[in-house]
Amino acid sequence: MVLVKTGVHRSLNLPHSITKTYSTNYTFPAKEFPGRRTNSAMTEFMKTVLIYSGGLDSTVLLAHMKSSGHEIHALSIDYGQRHRCELEKATEICADMNITHRIADLSPIQPLLAGSSLTSPQIDVAEGHYAESNMKSTVVPNRNMILLAIATGHALSIGAAEVAYAAHSGDHAIYPDCRNEFADAMSAVMQLCDWKCVTLNRPFVDWTKADIVRRGAELGVPFGKTWSCYKGGALHCGRCGTCIERREAFDLAGVEDPTIYADCAPSIDSLRANNWRLT
């Protein structure tokens, strides 16, 4: 039996030839997260490949795991995304935090992932709340499987014990590769793809985005340097799904949002009044 590090106890029916047992990784519930690790099975100084976009969630994860003593190897992926300015933010933040950082250039595969507003320039980025149906246009086909596959290969090459990414409870149903079922299946595959086993770690799996913001504030994360906006302009637009989710999270967390938004962005008061919808 192999126990998967996904934040909950799960057993998988894997081939009998795999007999090693791995400890589960307990999450940090929101009420416990301020540095308390009483229930954590994370190993101090564990070498970890962290999938790093330069966004809010993954930057907090970077700081969170560094504070837990992990040896972090941050890995960013250039898949030809419209908002590739996030990679510049990732490089800057890793340099500031003295964290090893590499960027895998997969930009030539952009035409193979067409049909998303993030990879097809002719498709406009949808505006509004993630709950709205037009947000499906932001789905990049099979993106998380690609990112996890590259990160797993890198982990195996450098002898890392795990791959971590910032999946959280607020990840939306419009993204099929954000579902727990997908992550559990990928975790199983990661333990079968090589003679060495690499586990999948999702420390934020039971956290909301507001929880993540609060944890980031405690750790002194430079939120103003992180990038979320899918439009990839000079400033956050304040109108696309990820911008609105970002603004809502800061508001719910009671943390000041240092992000500079474009002039066309609605006020936070109007968003609150319309239940975080544009109209």
Protein backbone atom coordinates (compact mmCIF):
# COMPACT_ATOMS: atom_id res chain seq x y z
CA MET A 1 0.00 0.00 0.00
CA VAL A 2 1.23 3.47 -0.87
CA LEU A 3 -0.11 6.47 0.98
CA VAL A 4 -0.29 9.61 -1.10
CA LYS A 5 0.92 12.98 0.18
CA THR A 6 -2.14 15.02 -0.71
CA GLY A 7 -3.11 16.35 2.66
CA VAL A 8 -5.53 13.52 3.45
CA HIS A 9 -5.12 9.79 4.00
CA ARG A 10 -5.74 7.88 0.78
CA SER A 11 -4.70 4.41 -0.31
CA LEU A 12 -4.17 3.38 -3.91
CA ASN A 13 -4.21 -0.05 -5.48
CA LEU A 14 -0.78 0.02 -7.03
CA PRO A 15 1.20 -2.97 -8.32
CA HIS A 16 2.40 -5.43 -5.71
CA SER A 17 6.00 -4.76 -6.71
CA ILE A 18 5.78 -1.37 -5.03
CA THR A 19 5.98 -2.12 -1.36
CA LYS A 20 7.43 0.99 0.20
CA THR A 21 5.12 2.99 2.45
CA TYR A 22 5.20 6.76 2.46
CA SER A 23 3.95 8.96 5.26
CA THR A 24 1.10 11.30 4.55
CA ASN A 25 1.50 15.04 4.71
CA TYR A 26 -0.98 16.71 7.02
CA THR A 27 -2.22 20.12 6.01
CA PHE A 28 -2.21 23.21 8.16
CA PRO A 29 -5.83 24.15 8.86
CA ALA A 30 -6.48 27.86 8.71
CA LYS A 31 -6.91 28.07 12.47
CA GLU A 32 -3.49 26.49 13.03
CA PHE A 33 -1.33 27.79 10.25
CA PRO A 34 0.67 30.58 11.95
CA GLY A 35 3.90 28.63 12.08
CA ARG A 36 2.46 25.71 14.02
CA ARG A 37 3.56 22.33 12.71
CA THR A 38 2.24 20.05 15.45
CA ASN A 39 0.56 17.66 13.03
CA SER A 40 2.94 17.99 10.13
CA ALA A 41 4.89 15.06 8.74
CA MET A 42 7.00 17.33 6.52
CA THR A 43 10.67 16.56 6.81
CA GLU A 44 13.02 19.37 7.73
CA PHE A 45 15.40 20.24 4.90
CA MET A 46 13.53 18.02 2.44
CA LYS A 47 14.57 18.82 -1.13
CA THR A 48 11.44 19.99 -2.93
CA VAL A 49 10.72 21.07 -6.49
CA LEU A 50 8.06 23.77 -6.25
CA ILE A 51 6.03 24.68 -9.32
CA TYR A 52 6.30 28.45 -9.25
CA SER A 53 4.37 30.89 -11.41
CA GLY A 54 5.24 34.14 -9.68
CA GLY A 55 1.59 34.44 -8.63
CA LEU A 56 0.12 35.04 -5.21
CA ASP A 57 -0.60 31.44 -4.20
CA SER A 58 2.70 29.93 -5.29
CA THR A 59 4.69 32.81 -3.76
CA VAL A 60 3.05 32.23 -0.39
CA LEU A 61 3.79 28.51 -0.79
CA LEU A 62 7.42 29.39 -1.54
CA ALA A 63 7.70 31.37 1.70
CA HIS A 64 5.63 28.86 3.67
CA MET A 65 7.81 25.89 2.76
CA LYS A 66 11.04 27.83 3.11
CA SER A 67 9.97 28.77 6.63
CA SER A 68 9.44 25.05 7.33
CA GLY A 69 13.06 24.30 6.46
CA HIS A 70 12.64 22.83 2.99
CA GLU A 71 15.39 23.10 0.40
CA ILE A 72 13.36 24.71 -2.37
CA HIS A 73 14.09 24.41 -6.08
CA ALA A 74 11.56 26.68 -7.77
CA LEU A 75 10.56 25.74 -11.31
CA SER A 76 8.63 28.06 -13.61
CA ILE A 77 7.24 27.00 -16.98
CA ASP A 78 7.05 29.19 -20.07
CA TYR A 79 4.31 27.54 -22.15
CA GLY A 80 3.74 30.62 -24.26
CA GLN A 81 1.20 32.13 -21.89
CA ARG A 82 -0.18 35.59 -22.62
CA HIS A 83 0.78 36.76 -19.12
CA ARG A 84 4.39 35.63 -19.30
CA CYS A 85 5.35 38.72 -17.32
CA GLU A 86 4.66 36.44 -14.34
CA LEU A 87 7.96 34.72 -15.11
CA GLU A 88 9.85 37.99 -14.65
CA LYS A 89 8.15 38.40 -11.27
CA ALA A 90 9.09 34.82 -10.35
CA THR A 91 12.74 35.47 -11.19
CA GLU A 92 12.81 38.69 -9.15
CA ILE A 93 11.13 37.17 -6.10
CA CYS A 94 13.35 34.08 -6.07
CA ALA A 95 16.44 36.29 -6.28
CA ASP A 96 15.18 38.36 -3.36
CA MET A 97 14.49 35.21 -1.31
CA ASN A 98 17.76 33.52 -2.33
CA ILE A 99 15.92 30.51 -3.75
CA THR A 100 17.22 28.41 -6.64
CA HIS A 101 15.05 29.11 -9.67
CA ARG A 102 14.87 27.72 -13.17
CA ILE A 103 12.56 28.43 -16.08
CA ALA A 104 11.70 25.62 -18.48
CA ASP A 105 11.15 27.10 -21.95
CA LEU A 106 8.26 25.17 -23.47
CA SER A 107 7.02 28.17 -25.44
CA PRO A 108 7.20 26.25 -28.78
CA ILE A 109 4.25 24.13 -27.62
CA GLN A 110 1.96 27.18 -27.49
CA PRO A 111 0.28 26.36 -30.85
CA LEU A 112 -0.43 22.84 -29.55
CA LEU A 113 -2.39 24.31 -26.64
CA ALA A 114 -4.53 26.66 -28.74
CA GLY A 115 -8.13 27.41 -27.91
CA SER A 116 -7.49 29.13 -24.60
CA SER A 117 -7.41 32.88 -24.11
CA LEU A 118 -4.10 32.37 -22.31
CA THR A 119 -2.41 30.75 -25.32
CA SER A 120 -4.35 32.10 -28.32
CA PRO A 121 -3.83 35.87 -28.79
CA GLN A 122 -6.96 36.20 -30.91
CA ILE A 123 -9.21 35.12 -28.01
CA ASP A 124 -10.02 37.84 -25.52
CA VAL A 125 -9.51 37.16 -21.82
CA ALA A 126 -12.92 36.85 -20.20
CA GLU A 127 -13.87 39.33 -17.51
CA GLY A 128 -15.93 38.66 -14.41
CA HIS A 129 -16.09 36.19 -11.56
CA TYR A 130 -14.77 32.66 -11.95
CA ALA A 131 -18.26 31.32 -11.31
CA GLU A 132 -19.40 32.68 -14.68
CA SER A 133 -19.50 30.28 -17.63
CA ASN A 134 -17.34 32.45 -19.91
CA MET A 135 -14.34 31.72 -17.69
CA LYS A 136 -13.95 28.36 -19.41
CA SER A 137 -12.10 30.24 -22.14
CA THR A 138 -9.14 30.54 -19.73
CA VAL A 139 -8.66 26.77 -19.48
CA VAL A 140 -5.31 25.73 -20.99
CA PRO A 141 -5.65 22.14 -22.22
CA ASN A 142 -3.96 19.72 -19.81
CA ARG A 143 -1.75 22.43 -18.34
CA ASN A 144 -1.32 20.96 -14.87
CA MET A 145 -0.41 17.53 -16.18
CA ILE A 146 2.30 19.12 -18.32
CA LEU A 147 3.63 21.19 -15.41
CA LEU A 148 3.63 18.25 -13.02
CA ALA A 149 5.33 15.98 -15.56
CA ILE A 150 8.17 18.46 -16.11
CA ALA A 151 8.51 19.10 -12.38
CA THR A 152 8.61 15.37 -11.65
CA GLY A 153 11.39 14.84 -14.18
CA HIS A 154 13.36 17.70 -12.65
CA ALA A 155 12.80 16.30 -9.15
CA LEU A 156 14.11 12.89 -10.22
CA SER A 157 17.16 14.45 -11.87
CA ILE A 158 18.21 16.41 -8.77
CA GLY A 159 17.19 13.82 -6.18
CA ALA A 160 14.24 15.77 -4.76
CA ALA A 161 11.76 13.84 -2.64
CA GLU A 162 8.65 15.70 -3.68
CA VAL A 163 6.95 18.14 -6.00
CA ALA A 164 4.82 20.84 -4.40
CA TYR A 165 2.24 23.15 -5.90
CA ALA A 166 -0.27 25.60 -4.54
CA ALA A 167 -3.59 23.91 -5.26
CA HIS A 168 -6.20 25.14 -2.77
CA SER A 169 -9.84 24.60 -1.89
CA GLY A 170 -10.92 27.62 -3.92
CA ASP A 171 -9.64 26.25 -7.23
CA HIS A 172 -12.65 26.36 -9.50
CA ALA A 173 -14.57 23.51 -11.09
CA ILE A 174 -14.12 24.98 -14.57
CA TYR A 175 -10.53 23.71 -14.42
CA PRO A 176 -10.68 19.90 -14.71
CA ASP A 177 -6.99 19.53 -13.83
CA CYS A 178 -7.55 21.30 -10.51
CA ARG A 179 -9.84 18.57 -9.20
CA ASN A 180 -8.70 16.39 -6.31
CA GLU A 181 -9.32 13.30 -8.42
CA PHE A 182 -6.85 14.53 -11.00
CA ALA A 183 -4.18 15.34 -8.42
CA ASP A 184 -4.62 11.98 -6.70
CA ALA A 185 -4.19 10.16 -10.02
CA MET A 186 -1.11 12.22 -10.87
CA SER A 187 0.36 11.46 -7.47
CA ALA A 188 0.00 7.75 -8.19
CA VAL A 189 1.59 8.12 -11.63
CA MET A 190 4.50 10.07 -10.17
CA GLN A 191 5.29 7.09 -7.96
CA LEU A 192 5.23 4.71 -10.93
CA CYS A 193 7.17 6.65 -13.55
CA ASP A 194 10.63 5.82 -12.20
CA TRP A 195 12.37 3.43 -9.83
CA LYS A 196 12.66 6.33 -7.44
CA CYS A 197 9.43 7.66 -5.99
CA VAL A 198 8.53 11.34 -6.01
CA THR A 199 5.51 12.38 -3.98
CA LEU A 200 3.04 15.18 -4.64
CA ASN A 201 2.61 17.73 -1.86
CA ARG A 202 -0.36 20.13 -1.72
CA PRO A 203 -0.05 21.93 1.63
CA PHE A 204 -2.88 24.36 0.82
CA VAL A 205 -5.41 21.76 -0.35
CA ASP A 206 -7.85 22.60 2.47
CA TRP A 207 -7.15 26.34 2.59
CA THR A 208 -9.14 29.13 1.00
CA LYS A 209 -7.39 31.85 -0.95
CA ALA A 210 -8.09 34.23 1.94
CA ASP A 211 -6.26 31.78 4.24
CA ILE A 212 -3.32 31.89 1.86
CA VAL A 213 -3.29 35.70 1.91
CA ARG A 214 -3.34 35.73 5.72
CA ARG A 215 -0.45 33.27 5.85
CA GLY A 216 1.47 35.34 3.33
CA ALA A 217 0.96 38.46 5.43
CA GLU A 218 2.38 36.66 8.47
CA LEU A 219 5.43 35.61 6.47
CA GLY A 220 6.01 39.05 4.99
CA VAL A 221 5.39 37.95 1.41
CA PRO A 222 5.95 40.83 -1.06
CA PHE A 223 2.43 40.71 -2.49
CA GLY A 224 3.06 43.81 -4.57
CA LYS A 225 5.66 41.92 -6.61
CA THR A 226 3.42 38.94 -7.39
CA TRP A 227 1.46 38.73 -10.63
CA SER A 228 -2.03 37.34 -11.18
CA CYS A 229 -3.66 39.13 -14.13
CA TYR A 230 -4.30 36.97 -17.18
CA LYS A 231 -4.24 39.95 -19.55
CA GLY A 232 -0.53 40.51 -18.97
CA GLY A 233 -0.61 44.27 -19.32
CA ALA A 234 1.50 46.86 -17.56
CA LEU A 235 -0.88 46.77 -14.57
CA HIS A 236 -3.37 44.27 -13.18
CA CYS A 237 -6.63 44.89 -15.02
CA GLY A 238 -8.75 44.30 -11.91
CA ARG A 239 -11.50 42.79 -14.08
CA CYS A 240 -10.47 39.30 -15.20
CA GLY A 241 -11.35 36.25 -13.11
CA THR A 242 -7.99 35.95 -11.41
CA CYS A 243 -7.84 39.68 -10.61
CA ILE A 244 -11.29 39.61 -9.02
CA GLU A 245 -10.40 36.47 -7.06
CA ARG A 246 -7.22 38.20 -5.86
CA ARG A 247 -9.13 41.31 -4.75
CA GLU A 248 -11.78 39.24 -2.99
CA ALA A 249 -9.15 37.21 -1.12
CA PHE A 250 -7.40 40.30 0.26
CA ASP A 251 -10.74 41.76 1.29
CA LEU A 252 -11.92 38.59 3.05
CA ALA A 253 -8.54 38.16 4.72
CA GLY A 254 -8.59 41.69 6.09
CA VAL A 255 -5.18 42.35 4.55
CA GLU A 256 -4.38 45.52 2.61
CA ASP A 257 -3.99 44.85 -1.09
CA PRO A 258 -0.85 46.61 -2.38
CA THR A 259 -1.63 45.78 -6.01
CA ILE A 260 -1.88 48.70 -8.42
CA TYR A 261 -4.85 48.16 -10.72
CA ALA A 262 -5.64 49.81 -14.05
CA ASP A 263 -7.97 52.82 -14.13
CA CYS A 264 -10.72 50.68 -15.68
CA ALA A 265 -10.85 48.41 -12.61
CA PRO A 266 -14.08 48.65 -10.59
CA SER A 267 -13.87 49.88 -7.04
CA ILE A 268 -13.70 47.36 -4.23
CA ASP A 269 -16.95 48.81 -2.86
CA SER A 270 -18.81 48.13 -6.10
CA LEU A 271 -17.46 44.60 -6.25
CA ARG A 272 -18.59 43.92 -2.69
CA ALA A 273 -22.02 45.38 -3.43
CA ASN A 274 -22.44 43.13 -6.48
CA ASN A 275 -21.18 39.96 -4.73
CA TRP A 276 -17.86 40.22 -6.61
CA ARG A 277 -19.53 40.41 -10.01
CA LEU A 278 -18.81 43.21 -12.45
CA THR A 279 -22.51 44.10 -12.79
